[in-house]
């Protein structure tokens, strides 16, 4: 288990794209098997990733990555309006504080920017993590990818504005 000091957070670089996509696929396929069947995981994270779609998606986000011993351990993507769009840890670093470190940094930045709440569309897998961070479920949702449906949850956390 890496210590918090062994995890280094930094800004995403375009050269991270392949590692981010590989981590995403590994996380979906290995960490979500209890909540999503093989067809759902394949629809969510197909074997052949659309690199251009990933580049465009990441370009629209503030993305921070976590490294442990020089290897990508996780990443978070969020927008200036408080939307957490992506939060994934590698299977090797799951439940070791990587997602928490990434989330807390993003929350701190959003609080400092004066955002009044943070929201996300969480998978069933990550719901408990977001609940531990103070999020509440607002609505159950379904995403359709081809002929496959994926359940997810719209979740929100109110933030207190920093006191002056």
Protein backbone atom coordinates (compact mmCIF):
# COMPACT_ATOMS: atom_id res chain seq x y z
CA UNK A 1 0.00 0.00 0.00
CA UNK A 2 1.61 3.30 -1.03
CA UNK A 3 1.81 6.02 1.56
CA UNK A 4 0.23 9.37 0.75
CA UNK A 5 3.71 10.80 0.34
CA UNK A 6 4.57 8.11 -2.23
CA UNK A 7 1.72 9.25 -4.49
CA UNK A 8 2.57 12.23 -6.66
CA UNK A 9 -0.21 14.31 -8.24
CA UNK A 10 0.42 16.32 -11.37
CA UNK A 11 -1.33 17.76 -14.40
CA UNK A 12 -2.22 15.45 -17.25
CA UNK A 13 0.04 15.64 -20.31
CA UNK A 14 -0.95 14.55 -23.83
CA UNK A 15 1.79 11.90 -23.60
CA UNK A 16 -0.28 10.27 -20.80
CA UNK A 17 -3.15 9.41 -23.18
CA UNK A 18 -2.30 5.74 -23.78
CA UNK A 19 -1.66 5.10 -20.07
CA UNK A 20 -4.93 6.83 -19.10
CA UNK A 21 -6.94 4.78 -21.59
CA UNK A 22 -5.25 1.54 -20.50
CA UNK A 23 -5.90 2.35 -16.81
CA UNK A 24 -9.55 3.16 -17.59
CA UNK A 25 -10.05 -0.17 -19.41
CA UNK A 26 -8.33 -2.15 -16.65
CA UNK A 27 -10.34 -0.41 -13.93
CA UNK A 28 -13.67 -0.99 -15.67
CA UNK A 29 -12.98 -4.63 -16.52
CA UNK A 30 -11.30 -5.67 -13.27
CA UNK A 31 -12.92 -3.49 -10.61
CA UNK A 32 -16.53 -3.40 -11.83
CA UNK A 33 -17.14 -7.11 -12.44
CA UNK A 34 -19.32 -7.45 -9.33
CA UNK A 35 -21.73 -4.72 -10.48
CA UNK A 36 -21.62 -4.96 -14.30
CA UNK A 37 -21.65 -8.06 -16.51
CA UNK A 38 -19.13 -8.71 -19.30
CA UNK A 39 -21.34 -7.15 -22.01
CA UNK A 40 -21.84 -4.00 -19.94
CA UNK A 41 -18.11 -3.69 -19.20
CA UNK A 42 -17.28 -4.20 -22.88
CA UNK A 43 -19.80 -1.52 -23.92
CA UNK A 44 -18.40 0.85 -21.30
CA UNK A 45 -14.73 0.21 -22.07
CA UNK A 46 -14.34 -1.44 -25.48
CA UNK A 47 -11.11 -3.22 -26.30
CA UNK A 48 -10.36 -0.76 -29.10
CA UNK A 49 -10.55 2.72 -27.58
CA UNK A 50 -11.39 5.72 -29.72
CA UNK A 51 -8.23 7.76 -29.11
CA UNK A 52 -9.62 10.87 -30.82
CA UNK A 53 -12.73 10.79 -28.63
CA UNK A 54 -10.53 10.40 -25.55
CA UNK A 55 -8.29 13.29 -26.63
CA UNK A 56 -11.34 15.52 -27.14
CA UNK A 57 -12.92 14.50 -23.84
CA UNK A 58 -9.75 15.08 -21.83
CA UNK A 59 -9.11 18.42 -23.57
CA UNK A 60 -12.43 19.70 -22.20
CA UNK A 61 -11.53 18.80 -18.60
CA UNK A 62 -9.08 19.76 -15.90
CA UNK A 63 -7.24 16.45 -15.52
CA UNK A 64 -4.92 15.46 -12.71
CA UNK A 65 -3.05 12.18 -12.59
CA UNK A 66 -1.59 10.25 -9.68
CA UNK A 67 1.73 8.49 -10.04
CA UNK A 68 3.27 5.88 -7.80
CA UNK A 69 6.88 4.92 -8.49
CA UNK A 70 6.66 6.55 -11.92
CA UNK A 71 3.56 4.61 -13.01
CA UNK A 72 0.07 5.94 -13.49
CA UNK A 73 -2.00 5.01 -10.44
CA UNK A 74 -5.17 6.99 -11.16
CA UNK A 75 -6.70 10.07 -12.72
CA UNK A 76 -9.54 12.55 -12.24
CA UNK A 77 -11.19 14.81 -14.78
CA UNK A 78 -13.44 17.68 -13.73
CA UNK A 79 -14.87 20.93 -15.03
CA UNK A 80 -14.84 24.43 -13.59
CA UNK A 81 -18.58 24.18 -12.81
CA UNK A 82 -18.03 21.31 -10.34
CA UNK A 83 -18.68 18.26 -12.54
CA UNK A 84 -16.50 15.24 -11.73
CA UNK A 85 -16.54 13.51 -15.11
CA UNK A 86 -13.88 10.84 -14.59
CA UNK A 87 -12.30 9.27 -11.50
CA UNK A 88 -10.43 5.99 -11.84
CA UNK A 89 -7.69 4.12 -9.97
CA UNK A 90 -5.65 1.31 -11.44
CA UNK A 91 -6.61 -2.13 -10.14
CA UNK A 92 -3.15 -2.37 -8.52
CA UNK A 93 -3.84 0.85 -6.56
CA UNK A 94 -7.53 0.39 -5.76
CA UNK A 95 -8.54 1.10 -2.16
CA UNK A 96 -5.11 2.56 -1.35
CA UNK A 97 -5.95 6.27 -1.15
CA UNK A 98 -5.28 7.21 -4.78
CA UNK A 99 -8.88 8.17 -5.64
CA UNK A 100 -9.20 9.98 -2.31
CA UNK A 101 -6.06 12.05 -2.95
CA UNK A 102 -7.23 12.94 -6.45
CA UNK A 103 -10.77 13.75 -5.32
CA UNK A 104 -9.67 15.90 -2.37
CA UNK A 105 -7.37 17.94 -4.58
CA UNK A 106 -10.15 18.52 -7.12
CA UNK A 107 -12.60 19.45 -4.36
CA UNK A 108 -10.09 21.90 -2.91
CA UNK A 109 -9.62 23.58 -6.27
CA UNK A 110 -13.37 23.79 -6.84
CA UNK A 111 -14.00 25.20 -3.35
CA UNK A 112 -11.29 27.80 -3.89
CA UNK A 113 -13.00 28.76 -7.16
CA UNK A 114 -16.24 29.39 -5.23
CA UNK A 115 -18.21 26.41 -6.54
CA UNK A 116 -21.25 25.73 -4.32
CA UNK A 117 -21.65 22.02 -5.13
CA UNK A 118 -19.89 19.14 -6.86
CA UNK A 119 -21.78 16.61 -8.97
CA UNK A 120 -21.07 13.41 -10.82
CA UNK A 121 -22.63 10.46 -12.59
CA UNK A 122 -21.29 7.55 -10.59
CA UNK A 123 -21.11 3.92 -11.52
CA UNK A 124 -22.52 1.41 -9.07
CA UNK A 125 -18.90 0.47 -8.34
CA UNK A 126 -17.84 3.92 -7.16
CA UNK A 127 -21.06 4.88 -5.37
CA UNK A 128 -19.72 3.91 -1.90
CA UNK A 129 -16.60 6.02 -2.47
CA UNK A 130 -18.63 9.11 -3.32
CA UNK A 131 -20.97 8.51 -0.39
CA UNK A 132 -17.94 8.45 1.94
CA UNK A 133 -16.96 11.83 0.49
CA UNK A 134 -20.38 13.27 1.43
CA UNK A 135 -22.27 12.86 -1.86
CA UNK A 136 -25.95 11.91 -1.97
CA UNK A 137 -27.82 10.15 -4.76
CA UNK A 138 -30.14 12.53 -6.60
CA UNK A 139 -31.41 10.16 -9.27
CA UNK A 140 -30.88 6.70 -10.75
CA UNK A 141 -29.99 6.86 -14.44
CA UNK A 142 -29.46 4.50 -17.34
CA UNK A 143 -26.92 4.96 -20.12
CA UNK A 144 -27.40 3.09 -23.40
CA UNK A 145 -24.35 1.99 -25.40
CA UNK A 146 -25.51 0.17 -28.50
CA UNK A 147 -27.88 -2.53 -27.28
CA UNK A 148 -26.47 -2.49 -23.74
CA UNK A 149 -27.82 -0.52 -20.78
CA UNK A 150 -25.64 0.61 -17.90
CA UNK A 151 -27.10 1.81 -14.60
CA UNK A 152 -25.49 4.79 -12.91
CA UNK A 153 -26.36 7.40 -10.29
CA UNK A 154 -26.51 11.18 -10.43
CA UNK A 155 -24.87 12.30 -7.18
CA UNK A 156 -24.20 15.71 -5.62
CA UNK A 157 -22.30 17.18 -2.69
CA UNK A 158 -22.90 20.71 -1.44
CA UNK A 159 -19.79 22.71 -0.63
CA UNK A 160 -19.39 25.48 1.87
CA UNK A 161 -17.80 28.53 0.43
CA UNK A 162 -14.47 29.39 2.02
CA UNK A 163 -14.86 31.91 4.80
CA UNK A 164 -12.95 35.16 4.47
